[in-house]
């Protein structure tokens, strides 16, 4: 999720947009929530750049997964997909440790 742009932009790979519409929609909700967390934290800090933990840390990732789950439930997702997303909450660092732009660009999803 590109939260720094004037208009936040969802960045997605083929593995995600090429999957089911249900999955794709839930990932938009998930990453969109990262943007919400970022902009809320920035507003609370008088426009200063918020600490990354506010929008991409483990706690933030769990919140985004919860929002993704609620979106999936609202869309009528099957039980298997809900269980799949639920499992990520136990280890919210599943997305990897992207400490550099190069690491981030290696993502395929």
PDB file of N, CA and C in Angstrom:
ATOM      1  N   UNK A   1       0.851  -1.177   0.000  1.00  0.00           N
ATOM      2  CA  UNK A   1       0.000   0.000   0.000  1.00  0.00           C
ATOM      3  C   UNK A   1       0.888   1.228   0.000  1.00  0.00           C
ATOM      4  N   UNK A   2       0.699   2.068  -0.961  1.00  0.00           N
ATOM      5  CA  UNK A   2       1.462   3.306  -1.046  1.00  0.00           C
ATOM      6  C   UNK A   2       0.681   4.390  -0.302  1.00  0.00           C
ATOM      7  N   UNK A   3       0.991   4.562   0.973  1.00  0.00           N
ATOM      8  CA  UNK A   3       0.241   5.491   1.814  1.00  0.00           C
ATOM      9  C   UNK A   3       0.744   6.919   1.722  1.00  0.00           C
ATOM     10  N   UNK A   4       1.955   7.109   1.201  1.00  0.00           N
ATOM     11  CA  UNK A   4       2.568   8.433   1.193  1.00  0.00           C
ATOM     12  C   UNK A   4       2.075   9.324   0.054  1.00  0.00           C
ATOM     13  N   UNK A   5       1.517   8.732  -0.967  1.00  0.00           N
ATOM     14  CA  UNK A   5       1.037   9.509  -2.102  1.00  0.00           C
ATOM     15  C   UNK A   5      -0.150  10.376  -1.711  1.00  0.00           C
ATOM     16  N   UNK A   6      -0.385  11.417  -2.485  1.00  0.00           N
ATOM     17  CA  UNK A   6      -1.531  12.293  -2.222  1.00  0.00           C
ATOM     18  C   UNK A   6      -2.820  11.474  -2.223  1.00  0.00           C
ATOM     19  N   UNK A   7      -2.898  10.553  -3.161  1.00  0.00           N
ATOM     20  CA  UNK A   7      -4.009   9.598  -3.206  1.00  0.00           C
ATOM     21  C   UNK A   7      -3.392   8.225  -2.938  1.00  0.00           C
ATOM     22  N   UNK A   8      -3.630   7.648  -1.751  1.00  0.00           N
ATOM     23  CA  UNK A   8      -3.046   6.334  -1.447  1.00  0.00           C
ATOM     24  C   UNK A   8      -3.416   5.313  -2.525  1.00  0.00           C
ATOM     25  N   UNK A   9      -2.460   4.472  -2.859  1.00  0.00           N
ATOM     26  CA  UNK A   9      -2.640   3.539  -3.965  1.00  0.00           C
ATOM     27  C   UNK A   9      -2.336   2.116  -3.514  1.00  0.00           C
ATOM     28  N   UNK A  10      -3.219   1.219  -3.881  1.00  0.00           N
ATOM     29  CA  UNK A  10      -3.044  -0.198  -3.579  1.00  0.00           C
ATOM     30  C   UNK A  10      -2.108  -0.801  -4.614  1.00  0.00           C
ATOM     31  N   UNK A  11      -1.024  -1.407  -4.153  1.00  0.00           N
ATOM     32  CA  UNK A  11      -0.073  -2.065  -5.038  1.00  0.00           C
ATOM     33  C   UNK A  11      -0.272  -3.564  -4.893  1.00  0.00           C
ATOM     34  N   UNK A  12      -0.453  -4.241  -6.015  1.00  0.00           N
ATOM     35  CA  UNK A  12      -0.796  -5.657  -5.953  1.00  0.00           C
ATOM     36  C   UNK A  12      -0.117  -6.430  -7.078  1.00  0.00           C
ATOM     37  N   UNK A  13       0.232  -7.680  -6.767  1.00  0.00           N
ATOM     38  CA  UNK A  13       0.873  -8.534  -7.752  1.00  0.00           C
ATOM     39  C   UNK A  13      -0.118  -9.490  -8.412  1.00  0.00           C
ATOM     40  N   UNK A  14       0.368 -10.154  -9.429  1.00  0.00           N
ATOM     41  CA  UNK A  14      -0.453 -11.077 -10.212  1.00  0.00           C
ATOM     42  C   UNK A  14      -1.051 -12.182  -9.345  1.00  0.00           C
ATOM     43  N   UNK A  15      -0.283 -12.683  -8.394  1.00  0.00           N
ATOM     44  CA  UNK A  15      -0.785 -13.780  -7.553  1.00  0.00           C
ATOM     45  C   UNK A  15      -2.052 -13.389  -6.807  1.00  0.00           C
ATOM     46  N   UNK A  16      -2.183 -12.111  -6.487  1.00  0.00           N
ATOM     47  CA  UNK A  16      -3.373 -11.648  -5.762  1.00  0.00           C
ATOM     48  C   UNK A  16      -4.494 -11.269  -6.713  1.00  0.00           C
ATOM     49  N   UNK A  17      -4.222 -10.399  -7.683  1.00  0.00           N
ATOM     50  CA  UNK A  17      -5.333  -9.990  -8.555  1.00  0.00           C
ATOM     51  C   UNK A  17      -5.771 -11.087  -9.492  1.00  0.00           C
ATOM     52  N   UNK A  18      -4.931 -12.100  -9.643  1.00  0.00           N
ATOM     53  CA  UNK A  18      -5.315 -13.215 -10.485  1.00  0.00           C
ATOM     54  C   UNK A  18      -6.073 -14.300  -9.744  1.00  0.00           C
ATOM     55  N   UNK A  19      -6.241 -14.120  -8.457  1.00  0.00           N
ATOM     56  CA  UNK A  19      -6.965 -15.096  -7.636  1.00  0.00           C
ATOM     57  C   UNK A  19      -8.461 -14.791  -7.735  1.00  0.00           C
ATOM     58  N   UNK A  20      -9.250 -15.326  -6.844  1.00  0.00           N
ATOM     59  CA  UNK A  20     -10.701 -15.105  -6.876  1.00  0.00           C
ATOM     60  C   UNK A  20     -11.049 -13.646  -6.577  1.00  0.00           C
ATOM     61  N   UNK A  21     -12.196 -13.223  -7.059  1.00  0.00           N
ATOM     62  CA  UNK A  21     -12.677 -11.874  -6.776  1.00  0.00           C
ATOM     63  C   UNK A  21     -12.834 -11.646  -5.280  1.00  0.00           C
ATOM     64  N   UNK A  22     -13.281 -12.668  -4.568  1.00  0.00           N
ATOM     65  CA  UNK A  22     -13.480 -12.577  -3.118  1.00  0.00           C
ATOM     66  C   UNK A  22     -12.146 -12.284  -2.427  1.00  0.00           C
ATOM     67  N   UNK A  23     -11.124 -13.035  -2.794  1.00  0.00           N
ATOM     68  CA  UNK A  23      -9.804 -12.845  -2.188  1.00  0.00           C
ATOM     69  C   UNK A  23      -9.260 -11.458  -2.536  1.00  0.00           C
ATOM     70  N   UNK A  24      -9.347 -11.094  -3.791  1.00  0.00           N
ATOM     71  CA  UNK A  24      -8.838  -9.798  -4.242  1.00  0.00           C
ATOM     72  C   UNK A  24      -9.515  -8.661  -3.478  1.00  0.00           C
ATOM     73  N   UNK A  25     -10.828  -8.715  -3.354  1.00  0.00           N
ATOM     74  CA  UNK A  25     -11.570  -7.673  -2.619  1.00  0.00           C
ATOM     75  C   UNK A  25     -11.102  -7.597  -1.171  1.00  0.00           C
ATOM     76  N   UNK A  26     -10.869  -8.751  -0.554  1.00  0.00           N
ATOM     77  CA  UNK A  26     -10.465  -8.734   0.854  1.00  0.00           C
ATOM     78  C   UNK A  26      -9.061  -8.166   1.028  1.00  0.00           C
ATOM     79  N   UNK A  27      -8.193  -8.352   0.037  1.00  0.00           N
ATOM     80  CA  UNK A  27      -6.849  -7.790   0.145  1.00  0.00           C
ATOM     81  C   UNK A  27      -6.864  -6.276  -0.047  1.00  0.00           C
ATOM     82  N   UNK A  28      -7.787  -5.795  -0.859  1.00  0.00           N
ATOM     83  CA  UNK A  28      -7.954  -4.343  -1.001  1.00  0.00           C
ATOM     84  C   UNK A  28      -8.388  -3.758   0.344  1.00  0.00           C
ATOM     85  N   UNK A  29      -9.340  -4.422   0.997  1.00  0.00           N
ATOM     86  CA  UNK A  29      -9.795  -3.971   2.320  1.00  0.00           C
ATOM     87  C   UNK A  29      -8.647  -3.997   3.316  1.00  0.00           C
ATOM     88  N   UNK A  30      -7.887  -5.064   3.306  1.00  0.00           N
ATOM     89  CA  UNK A  30      -6.762  -5.222   4.233  1.00  0.00           C
ATOM     90  C   UNK A  30      -5.744  -4.100   4.048  1.00  0.00           C
ATOM     91  N   UNK A  31      -5.270  -3.933   2.835  1.00  0.00           N
ATOM     92  CA  UNK A  31      -4.250  -2.909   2.604  1.00  0.00           C
ATOM     93  C   UNK A  31      -4.818  -1.501   2.744  1.00  0.00           C
ATOM     94  N   UNK A  32      -6.070  -1.329   2.389  1.00  0.00           N
ATOM     95  CA  UNK A  32      -6.712  -0.036   2.606  1.00  0.00           C
ATOM     96  C   UNK A  32      -6.747   0.338   4.074  1.00  0.00           C
ATOM     97  N   UNK A  33      -6.877  -0.662   4.925  1.00  0.00           N
ATOM     98  CA  UNK A  33      -6.892  -0.395   6.367  1.00  0.00           C
ATOM     99  C   UNK A  33      -5.514   0.043   6.863  1.00  0.00           C
ATOM    100  N   UNK A  34      -4.459  -0.458   6.230  1.00  0.00           N
ATOM    101  CA  UNK A  34      -3.118   0.048   6.555  1.00  0.00           C
ATOM    102  C   UNK A  34      -3.067   1.552   6.291  1.00  0.00           C
ATOM    103  N   UNK A  35      -3.673   1.972   5.194  1.00  0.00           N
ATOM    104  CA  UNK A  35      -3.700   3.400   4.870  1.00  0.00           C
ATOM    105  C   UNK A  35      -4.506   4.188   5.897  1.00  0.00           C
ATOM    106  N   UNK A  36      -5.619   3.640   6.324  1.00  0.00           N
ATOM    107  CA  UNK A  36      -6.427   4.282   7.362  1.00  0.00           C
ATOM    108  C   UNK A  36      -5.587   4.471   8.629  1.00  0.00           C
ATOM    109  N   UNK A  37      -4.907   3.407   9.049  1.00  0.00           N
ATOM    110  CA  UNK A  37      -4.083   3.486  10.258  1.00  0.00           C
ATOM    111  C   UNK A  37      -2.981   4.530  10.112  1.00  0.00           C
ATOM    112  N   UNK A  38      -2.358   4.568   8.954  1.00  0.00           N
ATOM    113  CA  UNK A  38      -1.296   5.543   8.701  1.00  0.00           C
ATOM    114  C   UNK A  38      -1.827   6.973   8.811  1.00  0.00           C
ATOM    115  N   UNK A  39      -2.915   7.236   8.108  1.00  0.00           N
ATOM    116  CA  UNK A  39      -3.444   8.607   8.078  1.00  0.00           C
ATOM    117  C   UNK A  39      -4.034   9.032   9.424  1.00  0.00           C
ATOM    118  N   UNK A  40      -4.612   8.105  10.153  1.00  0.00           N
ATOM    119  CA  UNK A  40      -5.086   8.427  11.506  1.00  0.00           C
ATOM    120  C   UNK A  40      -3.912   8.773  12.418  1.00  0.00           C
ATOM    121  N   UNK A  41      -2.842   7.980  12.337  1.00  0.00           N
ATOM    122  CA  UNK A  41      -1.663   8.241  13.170  1.00  0.00           C
ATOM    123  C   UNK A  41      -1.004   9.562  12.787  1.00  0.00           C
ATOM    124  N   UNK A  42      -0.973   9.859  11.513  1.00  0.00           N
ATOM    125  CA  UNK A  42      -0.381  11.118  11.055  1.00  0.00           C
ATOM    126  C   UNK A  42      -1.198  12.306  11.550  1.00  0.00           C
ATOM    127  N   UNK A  43      -2.511  12.188  11.500  1.00  0.00           N
ATOM    128  CA  UNK A  43      -3.380  13.264  11.987  1.00  0.00           C
ATOM    129  C   UNK A  43      -3.196  13.480  13.491  1.00  0.00           C
ATOM    130  N   UNK A  44      -3.028  12.393  14.228  1.00  0.00           N
ATOM    131  CA  UNK A  44      -2.841  12.496  15.680  1.00  0.00           C
ATOM    132  C   UNK A  44      -1.488  13.098  16.043  1.00  0.00           C
ATOM    133  N   UNK A  45      -0.547  13.076  15.110  1.00  0.00           N
ATOM    134  CA  UNK A  45       0.783  13.638  15.384  1.00  0.00           C
ATOM    135  C   UNK A  45       0.957  14.994  14.676  1.00  0.00           C
ATOM    136  N   UNK A  46      -0.171  15.689  14.507  1.00  0.00           N
ATOM    137  CA  UNK A  46      -0.168  17.025  13.901  1.00  0.00           C
ATOM    138  C   UNK A  46       0.497  17.062  12.531  1.00  0.00           C
ATOM    139  N   UNK A  47       0.309  16.016  11.749  1.00  0.00           N
ATOM    140  CA  UNK A  47       0.835  15.983  10.395  1.00  0.00           C
ATOM    141  C   UNK A  47       2.260  15.484  10.282  1.00  0.00           C
ATOM    142  N   UNK A  48       2.877  15.191  11.421  1.00  0.00           N
ATOM    143  CA  UNK A  48       4.234  14.631  11.384  1.00  0.00           C
ATOM    144  C   UNK A  48       4.171  13.158  11.007  1.00  0.00           C
ATOM    145  N   UNK A  49       5.259  12.677  10.456  1.00  0.00           N
ATOM    146  CA  UNK A  49       5.326  11.285  10.037  1.00  0.00           C
ATOM    147  C   UNK A  49       5.185  10.371  11.262  1.00  0.00           C
ATOM    148  N   UNK A  50       4.202   9.466  11.245  1.00  0.00           N
ATOM    149  CA  UNK A  50       4.017   8.571  12.393  1.00  0.00           C
ATOM    150  C   UNK A  50       5.052   7.449  12.405  1.00  0.00           C
ATOM    151  N   UNK A  51       5.288   6.900  13.581  1.00  0.00           N
ATOM    152  CA  UNK A  51       6.171   5.750  13.712  1.00  0.00           C
ATOM    153  C   UNK A  51       5.556   4.588  12.928  1.00  0.00           C
ATOM    154  N   UNK A  52       6.386   3.840  12.255  1.00  0.00           N
ATOM    155  CA  UNK A  52       5.918   2.736  11.407  1.00  0.00           C
ATOM    156  C   UNK A  52       5.050   1.733  12.155  1.00  0.00           C
ATOM    157  N   UNK A  53       5.332   1.510  13.437  1.00  0.00           N
ATOM    158  CA  UNK A  53       4.543   0.555  14.211  1.00  0.00           C
ATOM    159  C   UNK A  53       3.062   0.922  14.260  1.00  0.00           C
ATOM    160  N   UNK A  54       2.748   2.159  14.035  1.00  0.00           N
ATOM    161  CA  UNK A  54       1.356   2.599  14.072  1.00  0.00           C
ATOM    162  C   UNK A  54       0.539   2.040  12.915  1.00  0.00           C
ATOM    163  N   UNK A  55       1.221   1.696  11.818  1.00  0.00           N
ATOM    164  CA  UNK A  55       0.451   1.251  10.654  1.00  0.00           C
ATOM    165  C   UNK A  55       0.977  -0.017   9.983  1.00  0.00           C
ATOM    166  N   UNK A  56       2.202  -0.461  10.333  1.00  0.00           N
ATOM    167  CA  UNK A  56       2.698  -1.698   9.718  1.00  0.00           C
ATOM    168  C   UNK A  56       3.297  -2.683  10.719  1.00  0.00           C
ATOM    169  N   UNK A  57       3.216  -2.413  11.985  1.00  0.00           N
ATOM    170  CA  UNK A  57       3.737  -3.335  12.983  1.00  0.00           C
ATOM    171  C   UNK A  57       2.807  -4.519  13.200  1.00  0.00           C
ATOM    172  N   UNK A  58       3.185  -5.389  14.132  1.00  0.00           N
ATOM    173  CA  UNK A  58       2.388  -6.590  14.408  1.00  0.00           C
ATOM    174  C   UNK A  58       0.963  -6.258  14.834  1.00  0.00           C
ATOM    175  N   UNK A  59       0.821  -5.274  15.703  1.00  0.00           N
ATOM    176  CA  UNK A  59      -0.522  -4.888  16.160  1.00  0.00           C
ATOM    177  C   UNK A  59      -1.354  -4.379  14.983  1.00  0.00           C
ATOM    178  N   UNK A  60      -0.749  -3.546  14.157  1.00  0.00           N
ATOM    179  CA  UNK A  60      -1.448  -3.010  12.985  1.00  0.00           C
ATOM    180  C   UNK A  60      -1.834  -4.133  12.030  1.00  0.00           C
ATOM    181  N   UNK A  61      -0.931  -5.086  11.848  1.00  0.00           N
ATOM    182  CA  UNK A  61      -1.224  -6.197  10.943  1.00  0.00           C
ATOM    183  C   UNK A  61      -2.411  -7.016  11.455  1.00  0.00           C
ATOM    184  N   UNK A  62      -2.472  -7.235  12.751  1.00  0.00           N
ATOM    185  CA  UNK A  62      -3.624  -7.959  13.313  1.00  0.00           C
ATOM    186  C   UNK A  62      -4.921  -7.182  13.077  1.00  0.00           C
ATOM    187  N   UNK A  63      -4.866  -5.868  13.233  1.00  0.00           N
ATOM    188  CA  UNK A  63      -6.057  -5.044  12.989  1.00  0.00           C
ATOM    189  C   UNK A  63      -6.480  -5.136  11.520  1.00  0.00           C
ATOM    190  N   UNK A  64      -5.517  -5.113  10.624  1.00  0.00           N
ATOM    191  CA  UNK A  64      -5.837  -5.215   9.195  1.00  0.00           C
ATOM    192  C   UNK A  64      -6.406  -6.588   8.850  1.00  0.00           C
ATOM    193  N   UNK A  65      -5.876  -7.622   9.477  1.00  0.00           N
ATOM    194  CA  UNK A  65      -6.415  -8.966   9.273  1.00  0.00           C
ATOM    195  C   UNK A  65      -7.843  -9.072   9.800  1.00  0.00           C
ATOM    196  N   UNK A  66      -8.112  -8.440  10.940  1.00  0.00           N
ATOM    197  CA  UNK A  66      -9.480  -8.430  11.479  1.00  0.00           C
ATOM    198  C   UNK A  66     -10.434  -7.731  10.507  1.00  0.00           C
ATOM    199  N   UNK A  67      -9.976  -6.619   9.942  1.00  0.00           N
ATOM    200  CA  UNK A  67     -10.815  -5.901   8.981  1.00  0.00           C
ATOM    201  C   UNK A  67     -11.017  -6.745   7.724  1.00  0.00           C
ATOM    202  N   UNK A  68      -9.972  -7.432   7.298  1.00  0.00           N
ATOM    203  CA  UNK A  68     -10.084  -8.314   6.141  1.00  0.00           C
ATOM    204  C   UNK A  68     -11.084  -9.436   6.422  1.00  0.00           C
ATOM    205  N   UNK A  69     -11.011 -10.010   7.616  1.00  0.00           N
ATOM    206  CA  UNK A  69     -11.967 -11.062   7.990  1.00  0.00           C
ATOM    207  C   UNK A  69     -13.397 -10.551   8.008  1.00  0.00           C
ATOM    208  N   UNK A  70     -13.597  -9.366   8.570  1.00  0.00           N
ATOM    209  CA  UNK A  70     -14.954  -8.819   8.615  1.00  0.00           C
ATOM    210  C   UNK A  70     -15.467  -8.553   7.207  1.00  0.00           C
ATOM    211  N   UNK A  71     -14.583  -8.118   6.324  1.00  0.00           N
ATOM    212  CA  UNK A  71     -14.967  -7.896   4.922  1.00  0.00           C
ATOM    213  C   UNK A  71     -15.361  -9.217   4.272  1.00  0.00           C
ATOM    214  N   UNK A  72     -14.543 -10.245   4.484  1.00  0.00           N
ATOM    215  CA  UNK A  72     -14.849 -11.551   3.911  1.00  0.00           C
ATOM    216  C   UNK A  72     -16.181 -12.094   4.423  1.00  0.00           C
ATOM    217  N   UNK A  73     -16.426 -11.938   5.710  1.00  0.00           N
ATOM    218  CA  UNK A  73     -17.696 -12.404   6.280  1.00  0.00           C
ATOM    219  C   UNK A  73     -18.863 -11.655   5.660  1.00  0.00           C
ATOM    220  N   UNK A  74     -18.703 -10.340   5.524  1.00  0.00           N
ATOM    221  CA  UNK A  74     -19.776  -9.534   4.945  1.00  0.00           C
ATOM    222  C   UNK A  74     -20.033  -9.917   3.487  1.00  0.00           C
ATOM    223  N   UNK A  75     -18.998 -10.334   2.793  1.00  0.00           N
ATOM    224  CA  UNK A  75     -19.133 -10.738   1.390  1.00  0.00           C
ATOM    225  C   UNK A  75     -19.604 -12.181   1.233  1.00  0.00           C
ATOM    226  N   UNK A  76     -19.692 -12.911   2.359  1.00  0.00           N
ATOM    227  CA  UNK A  76     -20.175 -14.291   2.316  1.00  0.00           C
ATOM    228  C   UNK A  76     -19.112 -15.307   1.929  1.00  0.00           C
ATOM    229  N   UNK A  77     -17.882 -15.076   2.335  1.00  0.00           N
ATOM    230  CA  UNK A  77     -16.787 -15.995   2.011  1.00  0.00           C
ATOM    231  C   UNK A  77     -17.010 -17.359   2.641  1.00  0.00           C
ATOM    232  N   UNK A  78     -16.442 -18.368   1.998  1.00  0.00           N
ATOM    233  CA  UNK A  78     -16.562 -19.718   2.549  1.00  0.00           C
ATOM    234  C   UNK A  78     -15.647 -19.892   3.766  1.00  0.00           C
ATOM    235  N   UNK A  79     -15.954 -20.916   4.532  1.00  0.00           N
ATOM    236  CA  UNK A  79     -15.262 -21.170   5.802  1.00  0.00           C
ATOM    237  C   UNK A  79     -13.755 -21.364   5.607  1.00  0.00           C
ATOM    238  N   UNK A  80     -13.361 -22.025   4.538  1.00  0.00           N
ATOM    239  CA  UNK A  80     -11.943 -22.293   4.297  1.00  0.00           C
ATOM    240  C   UNK A  80     -11.149 -20.999   4.139  1.00  0.00           C
ATOM    241  N   UNK A  81     -11.700 -20.029   3.451  1.00  0.00           N
ATOM    242  CA  UNK A  81     -11.015 -18.752   3.258  1.00  0.00           C
ATOM    243  C   UNK A  81     -10.913 -17.989   4.576  1.00  0.00           C
ATOM    244  N   UNK A  82     -11.959 -18.039   5.366  1.00  0.00           N
ATOM    245  CA  UNK A  82     -11.931 -17.383   6.677  1.00  0.00           C
ATOM    246  C   UNK A  82     -10.865 -18.012   7.573  1.00  0.00           C
ATOM    247  N   UNK A  83     -10.780 -19.325   7.580  1.00  0.00           N
ATOM    248  CA  UNK A  83      -9.773 -20.027   8.377  1.00  0.00           C
ATOM    249  C   UNK A  83      -8.371 -19.668   7.885  1.00  0.00           C
ATOM    250  N   UNK A  84      -8.202 -19.593   6.585  1.00  0.00           N
ATOM    251  CA  UNK A  84      -6.916 -19.248   5.991  1.00  0.00           C
ATOM    252  C   UNK A  84      -6.426 -17.888   6.497  1.00  0.00           C
ATOM    253  N   UNK A  85      -7.289 -16.901   6.480  1.00  0.00           N
ATOM    254  CA  UNK A  85      -6.908 -15.557   6.936  1.00  0.00           C
ATOM    255  C   UNK A  85      -6.734 -15.538   8.452  1.00  0.00           C
ATOM    256  N   UNK A  86      -7.582 -16.224   9.155  1.00  0.00           N
ATOM    257  CA  UNK A  86      -7.509 -16.282  10.616  1.00  0.00           C
ATOM    258  C   UNK A  86      -6.143 -16.798  11.083  1.00  0.00           C
ATOM    259  N   UNK A  87      -5.588 -17.754  10.373  1.00  0.00           N
ATOM    260  CA  UNK A  87      -4.291 -18.330  10.758  1.00  0.00           C
ATOM    261  C   UNK A  87      -3.170 -17.296  10.753  1.00  0.00           C
ATOM    262  N   UNK A  88      -3.258 -16.295   9.900  1.00  0.00           N
ATOM    263  CA  UNK A  88      -2.204 -15.282   9.826  1.00  0.00           C
ATOM    264  C   UNK A  88      -2.106 -14.447  11.097  1.00  0.00           C
ATOM    265  N   UNK A  89      -3.190 -14.339  11.839  1.00  0.00           N
ATOM    266  CA  UNK A  89      -3.173 -13.527  13.059  1.00  0.00           C
ATOM    267  C   UNK A  89      -2.222 -14.092  14.113  1.00  0.00           C
ATOM    268  N   UNK A  90      -1.988 -15.392  14.086  1.00  0.00           N
ATOM    269  CA  UNK A  90      -1.080 -16.016  15.055  1.00  0.00           C
ATOM    270  C   UNK A  90       0.371 -15.594  14.813  1.00  0.00           C
ATOM    271  N   UNK A  91       0.689 -15.273  13.576  1.00  0.00           N
ATOM    272  CA  UNK A  91       2.052 -14.863  13.212  1.00  0.00           C
ATOM    273  C   UNK A  91       1.962 -13.694  12.244  1.00  0.00           C
ATOM    274  N   UNK A  92       1.688 -12.509  12.759  1.00  0.00           N
ATOM    275  CA  UNK A  92       1.417 -11.369  11.876  1.00  0.00           C
ATOM    276  C   UNK A  92       2.647 -10.799  11.168  1.00  0.00           C
ATOM    277  N   UNK A  93       3.750 -11.523  11.183  1.00  0.00           N
ATOM    278  CA  UNK A  93       4.919 -11.085  10.429  1.00  0.00           C
ATOM    279  C   UNK A  93       5.106 -11.955   9.190  1.00  0.00           C
ATOM    280  N   UNK A  94       4.042 -12.667   8.787  1.00  0.00           N
ATOM    281  CA  UNK A  94       4.075 -13.559   7.639  1.00  0.00           C
ATOM    282  C   UNK A  94       4.490 -12.856   6.352  1.00  0.00           C
ATOM    283  N   UNK A  95       4.253 -11.563   6.267  1.00  0.00           N
ATOM    284  CA  UNK A  95       4.513 -10.840   5.030  1.00  0.00           C
ATOM    285  C   UNK A  95       5.991 -10.565   4.824  1.00  0.00           C
ATOM    286  N   UNK A  96       6.800 -10.904   5.799  1.00  0.00           N
ATOM    287  CA  UNK A  96       8.244 -10.737   5.658  1.00  0.00           C
ATOM    288  C   UNK A  96       8.730  -9.442   6.270  1.00  0.00           C
ATOM    289  N   UNK A  97      10.002  -9.337   6.330  1.00  0.00           N
ATOM    290  CA  UNK A  97      10.647  -8.177   6.936  1.00  0.00           C
ATOM    291  C   UNK A  97      11.205  -7.301   5.826  1.00  0.00           C
ATOM    292  N   UNK A  98      10.411  -6.369   5.354  1.00  0.00           N
ATOM    293  CA  UNK A  98      10.811  -5.505   4.246  1.00  0.00           C
ATOM    294  C   UNK A  98      11.467  -4.246   4.791  1.00  0.00           C
ATOM    295  N   UNK A  99      12.744  -4.357   5.086  1.00  0.00           N
ATOM    296  CA  UNK A  99      13.454  -3.219   5.660  1.00  0.00           C
ATOM    297  C   UNK A  99      14.005  -2.293   4.588  1.00  0.00           C
ATOM    298  N   UNK A 100      13.963  -2.739   3.361  1.00  0.00           N
ATOM    299  CA  UNK A 100      14.481  -1.896   2.288  1.00  0.00           C
ATOM    300  C   UNK A 100      13.514  -1.922   1.113  1.00  0.00           C
ATOM    301  N   UNK A 101      13.674  -0.968   0.247  1.00  0.00           N
ATOM    302  CA  UNK A 101      12.851  -0.891  -0.965  1.00  0.00           C
ATOM    303  C   UNK A 101      13.101  -2.126  -1.826  1.00  0.00           C
ATOM    304  N   UNK A 102      14.336  -2.601  -1.862  1.00  0.00           N
ATOM    305  CA  UNK A 102      14.670  -3.779  -2.657  1.00  0.00           C
ATOM    306  C   UNK A 102      13.921  -5.008  -2.128  1.00  0.00           C
ATOM    307  N   UNK A 103      13.861  -5.157  -0.804  1.00  0.00           N
ATOM    308  CA  UNK A 103      13.106  -6.271  -0.215  1.00  0.00           C
ATOM    309  C   UNK A 103      11.639  -6.183  -0.598  1.00  0.00           C
ATOM    310  N   UNK A 104      11.088  -4.994  -0.517  1.00  0.00           N
ATOM    311  CA  UNK A 104       9.679  -4.786  -0.836  1.00  0.00           C
ATOM    312  C   UNK A 104       9.405  -5.148  -2.295  1.00  0.00           C
ATOM    313  N   UNK A 105      10.298  -4.772  -3.177  1.00  0.00           N
ATOM    314  CA  UNK A 105      10.089  -5.011  -4.611  1.00  0.00           C
ATOM    315  C   UNK A 105      10.172  -6.488  -4.973  1.00  0.00           C
ATOM    316  N   UNK A 106      10.753  -7.311  -4.106  1.00  0.00           N
ATOM    317  CA  UNK A 106      10.857  -8.741  -4.356  1.00  0.00           C
ATOM    318  C   UNK A 106       9.526  -9.461  -4.142  1.00  0.00           C
ATOM    319  N   UNK A 107       8.577  -8.801  -3.488  1.00  0.00           N
ATOM    320  CA  UNK A 107       7.276  -9.419  -3.231  1.00  0.00           C
ATOM    321  C   UNK A 107       6.582  -9.729  -4.544  1.00  0.00           C
ATOM    322  N   UNK A 108       5.911 -10.852  -4.585  1.00  0.00           N
ATOM    323  CA  UNK A 108       5.191 -11.231  -5.802  1.00  0.00           C
ATOM    324  C   UNK A 108       3.684 -11.172  -5.624  1.00  0.00           C
ATOM    325  N   UNK A 109       3.233 -10.820  -4.453  1.00  0.00           N
ATOM    326  CA  UNK A 109       1.809 -10.822  -4.178  1.00  0.00           C
ATOM    327  C   UNK A 109       1.357  -9.438  -3.900  1.00  0.00           C
TER     328      UNK A 109
END
